[in-house]
Protein backbone atom coordinates (compact mmCIF):
# COMPACT_ATOMS: atom_id res chain seq x y z
CA MET A 1 -34.63 -79.22 53.36
CA THR A 2 -32.16 -77.11 55.25
CA ARG A 3 -32.34 -74.37 52.54
CA SER A 4 -36.17 -74.36 52.76
CA LEU A 5 -36.16 -73.96 56.52
CA ARG A 6 -33.64 -71.19 56.39
CA SER A 7 -35.78 -69.35 53.85
CA LEU A 8 -38.87 -69.80 55.94
CA ALA A 9 -37.09 -68.45 59.04
CA VAL A 10 -36.04 -65.35 57.17
CA LEU A 11 -39.59 -64.84 55.93
CA LEU A 12 -41.10 -65.23 59.44
CA ALA A 13 -38.58 -62.81 60.93
CA ALA A 14 -39.50 -60.26 58.35
CA VAL A 15 -43.22 -60.70 58.94
CA LEU A 16 -42.90 -60.57 62.67
CA GLY A 17 -40.76 -57.49 62.53
CA CYS A 18 -43.43 -55.76 60.50
CA ALA A 19 -46.16 -57.05 62.82
CA GLY A 20 -44.68 -55.15 65.76
CA SER A 21 -43.76 -57.87 68.28
CA ARG A 22 -41.75 -55.01 69.85
CA PRO A 23 -42.94 -51.44 70.41
CA ALA A 24 -42.45 -49.35 67.28
CA PRO A 25 -39.85 -46.62 67.59
CA ALA A 26 -41.04 -43.04 67.87
CA PRO A 27 -41.29 -41.28 64.55
CA ALA A 28 -38.23 -39.27 63.59
CA ALA A 29 -38.45 -35.50 63.77
CA PRO A 30 -39.04 -33.88 60.38
CA PRO A 31 -35.90 -32.47 58.80
CA ALA A 32 -35.27 -28.79 59.29
CA THR A 33 -36.51 -26.60 56.44
CA PRO A 34 -33.50 -25.58 54.35
CA PRO A 35 -32.93 -21.85 54.00
CA GLN A 36 -34.46 -20.34 50.89
CA ALA A 37 -31.93 -19.36 48.22
CA ALA A 38 -31.97 -15.77 47.08
CA ALA A 39 -34.05 -15.30 43.95
CA ALA A 40 -31.90 -15.12 40.80
CA PRO A 41 -32.13 -11.87 38.94
CA ALA A 42 -34.44 -11.96 35.96
CA GLY A 43 -32.57 -12.73 32.76
CA PRO A 44 -33.15 -11.19 29.34
CA ASP A 45 -36.36 -12.00 27.55
CA ARG A 46 -35.03 -14.38 24.94
CA GLY A 47 -38.30 -14.26 23.06
CA GLN A 48 -37.59 -10.67 22.00
CA VAL A 49 -35.04 -9.51 19.42
CA PRO A 50 -32.53 -7.26 21.24
CA ALA A 51 -32.76 -3.61 20.33
CA ILE A 52 -29.88 -2.23 18.30
CA GLY A 53 -27.94 0.27 20.35
CA ALA A 54 -26.31 3.43 19.17
CA ALA A 55 -23.26 2.99 16.95
CA PRO A 56 -19.98 3.52 18.80
CA GLU A 57 -18.47 6.89 18.10
CA LEU A 58 -15.14 6.90 16.35
CA HIS A 59 -12.50 9.21 17.78
CA LEU A 60 -9.20 8.85 15.98
CA PRO A 61 -6.29 10.06 18.12
CA GLN A 62 -4.63 13.25 16.98
CA GLN A 63 -2.05 12.94 14.23
CA ARG A 64 1.32 14.48 14.96
CA HIS A 65 3.30 15.76 11.99
CA PHE A 66 7.05 16.16 11.82
CA ALA A 67 9.85 15.76 9.29
CA LEU A 68 13.24 14.11 9.38
CA ALA A 69 16.44 15.92 8.47
CA ASN A 70 16.25 14.53 4.93
CA GLY A 71 12.73 15.92 4.47
CA LEU A 72 10.78 12.67 4.93
CA ARG A 73 7.38 13.63 6.32
CA VAL A 74 6.04 11.57 9.22
CA ARG A 75 2.54 11.20 10.69
CA LEU A 76 2.36 9.63 14.14
CA VAL A 77 -0.81 8.33 15.80
CA GLU A 78 -0.13 7.17 19.36
CA HIS A 79 -2.26 4.14 20.21
CA ARG A 80 -1.23 2.62 23.55
CA ARG A 81 -3.80 -0.12 24.06
CA LEU A 82 -1.49 -2.89 22.86
CA PRO A 83 2.33 -3.06 22.60
CA ILE A 84 2.27 -3.05 18.79
CA VAL A 85 3.49 -0.58 16.16
CA ALA A 86 2.47 -0.44 12.48
CA LEU A 87 4.40 1.37 9.74
CA ASN A 88 3.13 2.42 6.32
CA LEU A 89 5.41 4.22 3.91
CA VAL A 90 3.27 5.81 1.17
CA VAL A 91 5.19 6.56 -2.03
CA ARG A 92 3.74 8.37 -5.03
CA ALA A 93 4.81 5.55 -7.31
CA GLY A 94 1.62 3.85 -8.41
CA ALA A 95 0.45 2.53 -11.75
CA VAL A 96 -0.23 6.13 -12.87
CA ASN A 97 3.57 6.50 -12.94
CA ASP A 98 4.18 3.50 -15.20
CA PRO A 99 6.06 4.35 -18.40
CA ALA A 100 3.94 3.85 -21.50
CA ARG A 101 6.19 1.07 -22.80
CA LEU A 102 6.16 -0.93 -19.54
CA PRO A 103 2.73 -0.95 -17.89
CA GLY A 104 2.91 -2.79 -14.57
CA LEU A 105 6.42 -1.54 -13.71
CA ALA A 106 5.33 0.17 -10.45
CA SER A 107 3.73 -3.04 -9.17
CA PHE A 108 6.70 -5.18 -10.29
CA THR A 109 9.15 -2.84 -8.53
CA ALA A 110 7.18 -2.80 -5.28
CA SER A 111 6.88 -6.60 -5.24
CA MET A 112 10.62 -7.02 -5.65
CA LEU A 113 11.38 -4.93 -2.54
CA THR A 114 10.49 -7.82 -0.24
CA GLU A 115 10.65 -10.71 -2.73
CA GLY A 116 14.17 -9.88 -3.89
CA GLY A 117 16.01 -8.97 -0.69
CA THR A 118 18.46 -6.10 -0.27
CA ARG A 119 22.11 -5.48 -1.06
CA SER A 120 23.14 -6.84 2.35
CA ARG A 121 20.38 -9.44 2.84
CA THR A 122 19.25 -12.21 0.54
CA ALA A 123 15.52 -12.74 0.22
CA THR A 124 15.75 -15.84 2.43
CA ARG A 125 17.72 -14.04 5.13
CA LEU A 126 15.26 -11.14 5.07
CA SER A 127 12.38 -13.57 5.48
CA ASP A 128 14.13 -15.31 8.38
CA GLU A 129 14.85 -12.06 10.22
CA VAL A 130 11.28 -10.83 9.87
CA GLY A 131 9.94 -14.18 11.00
CA PHE A 132 12.27 -14.29 14.01
CA LEU A 133 10.74 -11.01 15.23
CA GLY A 134 7.19 -12.29 14.72
CA ALA A 135 6.78 -9.25 12.49
CA SER A 136 5.27 -8.65 9.05
CA LEU A 137 6.62 -6.80 6.06
CA GLY A 138 5.00 -6.33 2.67
CA ALA A 139 5.00 -4.04 -0.34
CA GLY A 140 2.69 -3.41 -3.26
CA ALA A 141 1.33 -0.79 -5.63
CA GLY A 142 -2.16 0.42 -6.46
CA GLN A 143 -3.26 2.87 -9.11
CA ASP A 144 -2.29 6.06 -7.26
CA ALA A 145 0.54 5.03 -4.92
CA ALA A 146 2.82 2.28 -3.73
CA SER A 147 3.44 1.37 -0.12
CA LEU A 148 5.77 -0.54 2.15
CA SER A 149 4.04 -1.79 5.30
CA GLY A 150 5.28 -3.49 8.44
CA SER A 151 4.31 -4.23 12.01
CA SER A 152 5.82 -5.75 15.15
CA LEU A 153 5.71 -5.64 18.91
CA SER A 154 6.82 -2.21 20.07
CA ARG A 155 9.90 -3.66 21.80
CA HIS A 156 11.09 -4.91 18.39
CA LEU A 157 10.55 -1.56 16.65
CA PRO A 158 14.29 -0.67 16.44
CA LYS A 159 15.06 -3.94 14.66
CA LEU A 160 11.97 -3.70 12.46
CA LEU A 161 13.02 -0.21 11.37
CA ASP A 162 16.46 -1.53 10.44
CA LEU A 163 14.84 -4.06 8.11
CA PHE A 164 12.19 -1.61 6.89
CA ALA A 165 14.74 1.05 5.96
CA ASP A 166 17.03 -1.47 4.27
CA VAL A 167 14.16 -2.71 2.10
CA ALA A 168 13.04 0.81 1.16
CA MET A 169 16.51 2.16 0.45
CA ASN A 170 18.59 -0.75 -0.83
CA PRO A 171 16.64 -3.27 -2.93
CA ALA A 172 18.93 -5.67 -4.76
CA PHE A 173 17.00 -6.79 -7.88
CA ARG A 174 19.24 -9.87 -8.17
CA ALA A 175 18.88 -11.77 -11.43
CA LYS A 176 17.80 -15.04 -9.78
CA ASP A 177 15.09 -13.43 -7.66
CA PHE A 178 14.02 -11.24 -10.56
CA ALA A 179 13.54 -14.28 -12.80
CA ARG A 180 11.47 -16.07 -10.16
CA VAL A 181 9.14 -13.11 -9.58
CA GLN A 182 8.91 -12.44 -13.31
CA ASP A 183 7.82 -16.05 -13.91
CA GLN A 184 5.20 -15.80 -11.17
CA ARG A 185 3.77 -12.65 -12.72
CA LYS A 186 3.67 -14.26 -16.16
CA VAL A 187 1.78 -17.23 -14.76
CA THR A 188 -0.66 -14.95 -12.92
CA LEU A 189 -1.45 -13.12 -16.15
CA LEU A 190 -1.87 -16.40 -18.02
CA GLN A 191 -4.29 -17.66 -15.39
CA GLN A 192 -6.27 -14.44 -15.62
CA ARG A 193 -6.99 -15.08 -19.30
CA ASP A 194 -9.69 -17.47 -18.09
CA GLN A 195 -11.12 -15.26 -15.31
CA PRO A 196 -14.15 -13.27 -16.52
CA ALA A 197 -13.81 -10.54 -13.88
CA THR A 198 -10.22 -9.79 -14.87
CA ILE A 199 -11.02 -10.05 -18.58
CA ALA A 200 -13.79 -7.48 -18.13
CA GLY A 201 -11.72 -5.24 -15.86
CA LYS A 202 -8.83 -4.96 -18.31
CA ALA A 203 -11.14 -4.30 -21.26
CA PHE A 204 -13.11 -1.73 -19.29
CA LEU A 205 -10.04 0.24 -18.19
CA LYS A 206 -8.80 0.55 -21.75
CA ALA A 207 -12.23 1.37 -23.21
CA TYR A 208 -13.40 3.84 -20.56
CA TRP A 209 -10.21 5.74 -19.74
CA GLY A 210 -8.51 5.29 -23.11
CA PRO A 211 -5.25 3.41 -23.79
CA ASP A 212 -3.08 6.53 -23.26
CA HIS A 213 -4.64 7.60 -19.96
CA PRO A 214 -2.61 6.85 -16.78
CA TYR A 215 -5.60 4.82 -15.53
CA GLY A 216 -6.06 3.04 -18.85
CA HIS A 217 -4.10 -0.11 -18.06
CA TYR A 218 -4.16 -2.96 -15.57
CA VAL A 219 -2.01 -2.49 -12.48
CA LEU A 220 -0.03 -5.70 -13.18
CA GLY A 221 0.56 -4.71 -16.78
CA ASP A 222 0.32 -7.35 -19.49
CA GLU A 223 2.25 -10.41 -20.60
CA ALA A 224 4.31 -8.47 -23.13
CA SER A 225 5.35 -5.76 -20.68
CA VAL A 226 6.30 -8.25 -17.97
CA ALA A 227 8.38 -10.25 -20.46
CA ALA A 228 10.10 -7.06 -21.64
CA THR A 229 10.98 -5.81 -18.16
CA ARG A 230 14.60 -6.08 -17.01
CA PRO A 231 16.20 -5.60 -13.58
CA ALA A 232 17.64 -2.29 -14.78
CA ASP A 233 14.09 -1.02 -15.39
CA LEU A 234 13.13 -1.78 -11.81
CA ALA A 235 16.27 -0.12 -10.46
CA ALA A 236 15.66 3.01 -12.54
CA PHE A 237 12.01 3.26 -11.45
CA HIS A 238 13.01 2.82 -7.80
CA ALA A 239 15.73 5.46 -8.07
CA ARG A 240 13.32 7.97 -9.59
CA PHE A 241 10.25 7.53 -7.37
CA TRP A 242 11.25 5.82 -4.10
CA ARG A 243 12.72 8.89 -2.39
CA PRO A 244 11.84 10.85 0.80
CA ALA A 245 10.78 13.86 -1.29
CA ASN A 246 8.13 11.65 -2.90
CA ALA A 247 6.98 9.80 0.22
CA GLU A 248 5.31 10.08 3.62
CA LEU A 249 5.57 7.68 6.57
CA VAL A 250 2.58 6.77 8.76
CA VAL A 251 3.35 5.30 12.20
CA VAL A 252 0.58 4.03 14.49
CA GLY A 253 0.89 2.34 17.84
CA ASP A 254 2.71 2.11 21.14
CA VAL A 255 5.42 4.71 20.62
CA SER A 256 5.84 8.40 21.39
CA GLU A 257 7.37 11.07 19.19
CA ALA A 258 10.32 11.37 21.59
CA GLU A 259 10.99 7.63 21.23
CA LEU A 260 10.35 7.51 17.50
CA ARG A 261 12.37 10.44 16.17
CA PRO A 262 15.87 9.15 16.99
CA LEU A 263 15.00 5.68 15.67
CA LEU A 264 13.86 7.16 12.36
CA GLU A 265 16.83 9.48 12.01
CA ARG A 266 19.18 6.52 12.53
CA THR A 267 17.44 4.48 9.80
CA LEU A 268 15.23 6.23 7.24
CA GLY A 269 16.97 9.51 8.03
CA LYS A 270 19.99 8.25 6.05
CA TRP A 271 17.91 7.98 2.88
CA PRO A 272 19.02 10.56 0.27
CA ALA A 273 16.22 13.08 -0.18
CA GLY A 274 15.97 13.15 -3.97
CA THR A 275 13.36 15.30 -5.71
CA ALA A 276 9.59 14.97 -5.93
CA ALA A 277 8.35 13.36 -9.13
CA PRO A 278 6.04 15.49 -11.27
CA ALA A 279 2.32 14.78 -10.91
CA PRO A 280 0.95 12.61 -13.72
CA ARG A 281 -1.27 14.28 -16.25
CA ALA A 282 -5.01 13.66 -16.00
CA PRO A 283 -6.84 14.01 -19.32
CA ALA A 284 -10.57 13.44 -19.46
CA PRO A 285 -11.58 9.79 -19.90
CA THR A 286 -12.67 8.59 -23.30
CA ALA A 287 -15.88 7.14 -21.78
CA PRO A 288 -17.53 5.91 -25.00
CA HIS A 289 -21.21 4.97 -24.92
CA VAL A 290 -20.64 1.45 -26.18
CA THR A 291 -21.19 -2.19 -25.23
CA LEU A 292 -18.26 -4.59 -25.62
CA LEU A 293 -19.35 -8.23 -25.74
CA LEU A 294 -16.23 -10.33 -25.15
CA ASP A 295 -16.56 -13.82 -26.56
CA LYS A 296 -16.04 -16.50 -23.93
CA PRO A 297 -17.35 -19.69 -25.54
CA ASP A 298 -19.87 -21.83 -23.65
CA ALA A 299 -19.93 -19.51 -20.62
CA PRO A 300 -22.89 -20.50 -18.38
CA GLN A 301 -22.96 -16.97 -16.95
CA THR A 302 -22.49 -13.47 -18.31
CA LEU A 303 -20.26 -11.11 -16.39
CA VAL A 304 -21.68 -7.59 -16.38
CA MET A 305 -19.53 -4.49 -15.79
CA LEU A 306 -21.36 -1.20 -16.30
CA GLY A 307 -19.37 2.01 -15.80
CA MET A 308 -20.43 5.66 -15.84
CA PRO A 309 -18.44 8.88 -15.26
CA GLY A 310 -17.71 9.11 -11.54
CA LEU A 311 -15.84 11.25 -9.06
CA ALA A 312 -12.43 11.65 -7.47
CA ARG A 313 -11.86 10.42 -3.92
CA ALA A 314 -11.42 13.97 -2.59
CA SER A 315 -14.68 15.18 -4.15
CA PRO A 316 -17.17 16.84 -1.74
CA ASP A 317 -19.77 14.47 -3.21
CA TYR A 318 -17.93 11.33 -2.14
CA VAL A 319 -19.78 10.66 1.13
CA ALA A 320 -23.21 11.17 -0.42
CA ALA A 321 -22.17 8.95 -3.33
CA THR A 322 -21.17 6.22 -0.89
CA VAL A 323 -24.67 6.32 0.63
CA ALA A 324 -26.32 6.29 -2.81
CA PHE A 325 -24.32 3.26 -3.89
CA GLN A 326 -25.17 1.52 -0.62
CA VAL A 327 -28.86 1.93 -1.47
CA LEU A 328 -28.40 0.72 -5.03
CA GLY A 329 -25.97 -2.17 -4.63
CA GLY A 330 -24.15 -2.07 -1.31
CA GLY A 331 -25.23 -5.32 0.27
CA MET A 332 -27.99 -7.89 0.77
CA SER A 333 -30.57 -5.21 1.58
CA SER A 334 -29.76 -3.17 -1.55
CA ARG A 335 -32.15 -2.71 -4.43
CA LEU A 336 -30.12 -4.69 -6.94
CA PHE A 337 -29.75 -7.63 -4.57
CA ARG A 338 -33.43 -7.71 -3.72
CA THR A 339 -34.57 -7.40 -7.32
CA LEU A 340 -32.04 -9.50 -9.23
CA ARG A 341 -31.44 -12.20 -6.65
CA GLU A 342 -34.35 -12.48 -4.24
CA GLU A 343 -37.21 -11.65 -6.60
CA LYS A 344 -35.91 -12.84 -9.98
CA GLY A 345 -33.18 -15.36 -9.12
CA TYR A 346 -30.96 -14.07 -11.92
CA THR A 347 -27.72 -13.85 -9.93
CA TYR A 348 -25.92 -14.67 -6.70
CA GLY A 349 -25.26 -10.97 -6.24
CA MET A 350 -24.89 -7.65 -8.05
CA GLY A 351 -22.86 -4.83 -6.51
CA ALA A 352 -22.37 -1.12 -7.10
CA GLY A 353 -19.71 1.30 -5.93
CA ALA A 354 -17.57 4.33 -6.60
CA ASP A 355 -14.12 3.53 -7.98
CA ALA A 356 -12.83 6.89 -6.75
CA ARG A 357 -9.17 7.68 -7.40
CA ARG A 358 -6.92 10.68 -6.95
CA LEU A 359 -7.30 11.95 -10.52
CA GLY A 360 -10.91 10.96 -11.16
CA GLY A 361 -13.24 8.03 -10.90
CA VAL A 362 -15.96 5.87 -12.35
CA SER A 363 -19.29 4.58 -11.04
CA ILE A 364 -19.33 0.80 -11.35
CA VAL A 365 -22.13 -1.80 -11.30
CA HIS A 366 -20.94 -5.38 -11.67
CA GLY A 367 -21.89 -9.01 -11.16
CA ASN A 368 -22.61 -12.34 -12.88
CA VAL A 369 -26.01 -13.35 -14.22
CA LYS A 370 -27.33 -16.51 -15.86
CA ALA A 371 -26.54 -16.39 -19.56
CA GLU A 372 -30.13 -17.00 -20.63
CA VAL A 373 -31.46 -13.99 -18.67
CA THR A 374 -28.71 -11.47 -19.50
CA GLY A 375 -31.08 -9.11 -21.31
CA ALA A 376 -33.77 -9.29 -18.66
CA ALA A 377 -31.22 -8.70 -15.89
CA LEU A 378 -29.78 -5.68 -17.69
CA GLY A 379 -33.28 -4.29 -18.14
CA ASP A 380 -33.98 -4.60 -14.42
CA LEU A 381 -30.57 -3.14 -13.54
CA LEU A 382 -31.17 -0.10 -15.72
CA GLY A 383 -34.65 0.18 -14.27
CA GLU A 384 -33.32 0.37 -10.72
CA ILE A 385 -30.86 3.08 -11.75
CA ARG A 386 -33.70 5.01 -13.41
CA LYS A 387 -35.86 4.81 -10.28
CA LEU A 388 -33.03 6.08 -8.11
CA ARG A 389 -32.59 9.04 -10.48
CA GLU A 390 -36.29 9.87 -10.72
CA GLN A 391 -37.79 9.05 -7.31
CA PRO A 392 -36.62 10.13 -3.84
CA VAL A 393 -35.51 7.22 -1.67
CA GLY A 394 -37.71 6.45 1.33
CA GLU A 395 -36.49 7.51 4.77
CA ALA A 396 -36.51 3.96 6.22
CA GLU A 397 -34.47 2.57 3.33
CA LEU A 398 -32.09 5.51 3.53
CA ALA A 399 -31.68 5.06 7.29
CA ASP A 400 -30.74 1.39 6.76
CA ALA A 401 -28.07 2.39 4.24
CA ARG A 402 -26.63 5.10 6.47
CA ASN A 403 -26.59 2.79 9.50
CA ALA A 404 -24.81 0.04 7.55
CA LEU A 405 -22.01 2.45 6.67
CA VAL A 406 -21.71 4.06 10.10
CA ARG A 407 -21.82 0.81 12.06
CA SER A 408 -19.18 -0.87 9.90
CA LEU A 409 -16.73 2.00 10.28
CA PRO A 410 -15.21 1.19 13.72
CA ALA A 411 -14.09 -2.24 12.49
CA ASP A 412 -11.75 -0.50 10.06
CA PHE A 413 -9.95 1.06 13.03
CA ALA A 414 -9.86 -2.00 15.30
CA THR A 415 -6.13 -2.65 14.79
CA VAL A 416 -3.06 -0.46 14.46
CA GLY A 417 -2.64 -1.79 10.93
CA GLY A 418 -6.20 -0.78 10.08
CA ILE A 419 -5.65 2.71 11.47
CA ALA A 420 -2.41 3.04 9.51
CA GLY A 421 -4.19 2.04 6.32
CA ARG A 422 -6.95 4.59 6.82
CA VAL A 423 -4.45 7.36 7.61
CA ALA A 424 -2.50 6.36 4.49
CA GLU A 425 -5.71 6.92 2.53
CA LEU A 426 -5.69 10.52 3.74
CA VAL A 427 -2.11 10.88 2.52
CA ILE A 428 -2.79 9.42 -0.93
CA HIS A 429 -5.85 11.54 -1.63
CA GLY A 430 -4.94 14.75 0.16
CA LEU A 431 -7.77 14.57 2.72
CA PRO A 432 -7.74 16.53 6.03
CA ASP A 433 -6.53 15.02 9.30
CA ASP A 434 -9.99 15.07 10.90
CA TYR A 435 -11.70 13.42 7.92
CA TRP A 436 -12.51 10.14 9.65
CA ASN A 437 -13.67 11.78 12.87
CA GLY A 438 -16.32 13.64 10.89
CA TYR A 439 -17.20 10.82 8.50
CA ALA A 440 -20.07 9.29 10.50
CA ASP A 441 -21.83 12.64 10.94
CA ALA A 442 -21.38 13.37 7.24
CA VAL A 443 -23.06 10.04 6.40
CA ARG A 444 -25.93 10.72 8.82
CA ASN A 445 -26.55 14.09 7.17
CA VAL A 446 -27.13 12.61 3.71
CA GLY A 447 -30.80 13.04 2.80
CA PRO A 448 -33.13 11.81 0.03
CA ALA A 449 -32.43 14.87 -2.13
CA ASP A 450 -28.67 14.22 -1.87
CA VAL A 451 -29.06 10.63 -3.05
CA GLN A 452 -31.22 11.67 -6.00
CA ARG A 453 -28.74 14.41 -6.94
CA ILE A 454 -25.86 11.91 -6.87
CA ALA A 455 -27.83 9.43 -8.99
CA GLU A 456 -28.66 12.12 -11.55
CA ARG A 457 -25.02 13.20 -11.79
CA TYR A 458 -23.01 9.99 -11.44
CA LEU A 459 -25.43 7.22 -12.52
CA ASP A 460 -26.26 8.08 -16.11
CA PRO A 461 -26.77 5.04 -18.40
CA ALA A 462 -26.79 7.38 -21.40
CA ARG A 463 -23.08 7.96 -20.75
CA SER A 464 -22.22 4.37 -19.86
CA THR A 465 -19.56 1.96 -21.04
CA LEU A 466 -20.75 -1.64 -20.71
CA VAL A 467 -18.54 -4.72 -20.85
CA LEU A 468 -20.09 -8.20 -21.02
CA VAL A 469 -18.12 -11.45 -20.92
CA GLY A 470 -20.15 -14.35 -22.26
CA THR A 471 -21.28 -16.28 -25.32
CA PRO A 472 -22.38 -13.93 -28.13
CA ALA A 473 -24.75 -16.46 -29.71
CA ALA A 474 -26.70 -16.68 -26.45
CA VAL A 475 -26.34 -13.09 -25.28
CA ARG A 476 -26.44 -10.74 -28.25
CA PRO A 477 -30.08 -11.41 -29.29
CA GLN A 478 -31.15 -10.47 -25.76
CA LEU A 479 -29.61 -7.00 -26.06
CA GLU A 480 -32.04 -5.72 -28.68
CA GLY A 481 -34.06 -2.77 -27.44
CA LEU A 482 -31.79 -1.90 -24.51
CA ALA A 483 -30.35 1.62 -24.45
CA ILE A 484 -26.75 0.44 -24.10
CA GLY A 485 -25.06 1.94 -27.14
CA LYS A 486 -23.53 0.14 -30.08
CA VAL A 487 -22.70 -3.52 -29.43
CA GLU A 488 -19.23 -4.69 -30.49
CA VAL A 489 -18.28 -8.37 -30.28
CA ARG A 490 -14.60 -8.98 -29.63
CA PRO A 491 -12.59 -12.17 -29.08
CA VAL A 492 -10.94 -13.01 -25.78
CA PRO A 493 -7.66 -14.92 -25.74
CA GLY A 494 -8.39 -18.23 -24.04
CA ALA A 495 -6.04 -20.40 -22.05
CA THR A 496 -6.21 -23.40 -19.81
CA PRO A 497 -5.53 -22.27 -16.23
CA VAL A 498 -1.83 -22.63 -15.45
CA ARG A 499 -0.49 -23.92 -12.16
CA ALA A 500 1.77 -21.35 -10.52
CA PRO A 501 5.37 -22.38 -9.80
CA PRO A 502 6.09 -23.10 -6.13
CA ARG A 503 7.10 -20.09 -4.09
CA SER A 504 10.22 -20.29 -1.98
CA PRO A 505 9.84 -19.11 1.64
CA ARG A 506 9.37 -15.37 1.54
CA VAL A 507 8.73 -12.53 3.88
CA ARG A 508 5.38 -12.84 5.60
CA THR A 509 3.46 -10.14 3.81
CA GLN A 510 0.51 -8.00 4.70
CA ARG A 511 -1.61 -6.39 2.03
CA PRO A 512 -0.90 -2.72 1.57
CA PRO A 513 -3.90 -0.42 1.62
CA ALA A 514 -5.28 -0.11 -1.86
CA SER A 515 -5.40 3.36 -3.23
CA SER A 516 -8.61 2.45 -5.05
CA PRO A 517 -10.76 -0.61 -5.75
CA ALA A 518 -9.29 -0.93 -9.21
CA PRO A 519 -10.04 -4.04 -11.24
């Protein structure tokens, strides 16, 4: 009862309050109007695709040339944006300098420079010292040259040069380290027995260039040559080729000539000059018009590698050839990609390019296609080459190819290491200092007639060497009627992929600039 009364009282009070038993209060004044915020500036129209702006112009800083007292030539590019310095020692000691009995010796020697330590530093100690600096150090060899590369913060340059010079001048070739690296190279070659791209590349080099040509062998050599190599062979090769008279040093980064000279004289300046090695001979390639079908049983795809006589890197035709190959097979907008992948679905991708080296070159078209459409894919590939030879390329398509090349160029010069690599390319191939500053304009000046001229000269299927890796029973019947020369079926040594032995902690390496895109 009490709860009911209390509830009723509350209800009556509420009703009476609303009924106005007392005068209602005056209405409150309306709140002041808040100040209007300034209108935000109009943003971009996100319904429209942004226009592509002009490509950034590339202006490579001037190269300064000087020589040390021992004759070592130096190229310096000052680049002060970041406190980093990159070094690249280019040595004319590539695979072209391999002795005939030991193909792969140049690459083996270069690898041992950092993998094997020096006379005063074990490989582990060298790795630790490089790591302590937060630096990088690596060596390798391509077809035309070998290189030793390094980089560090500019404040660590004196210490980096101590290590760099020790590696270049005093490699140890200790038996234990030699055996480890030799085993790793053997395993790599064993693994490559089952890799179609490497199988084709090795066969192509030997068939196109000829077994006695300096470009006629794989840069790593073969299993027999690696097994036959001894530490004394590496030491002799190093003594003959790794000398200031046969080398040039590229330095890029946060250092001036006045700062650099005394550091170099104190380190690499102590390197005995030696004598320049004679230039390797360059006979004409064999270049037979033949098709080699390498038997890889039960292969679901056929690897295609089509090569035609090409050009040297220093050729005046090189820039125009680069544009022509961009049109044919340079990317996802290229003719081969559109035809063989997007329209026909024969492949994930088919590329084309100029394998341009110091002593000559070859025009390469390569990719994998489904085994059951090998013949049809080859027919379409040859058809695209024929059209490029016979019909001028359209201006819109040509503009796309030129723009792709020009707009990708600045990325190659985004780091001091990238700049050093591109300057090293000038050293290897004897190109002028201002080559890269004029490259974009040279690309823009390539016209339809230039592309057709390049195709007529350097894309000639009648002078082609074709290597196919696949299953002959499935592939050979499809080759009838194609103008690809005599077909020869050859066996391929097969092997189960081999697991590489564990690597002990080594110097943190950076890839040296390749002298060419060799297989």
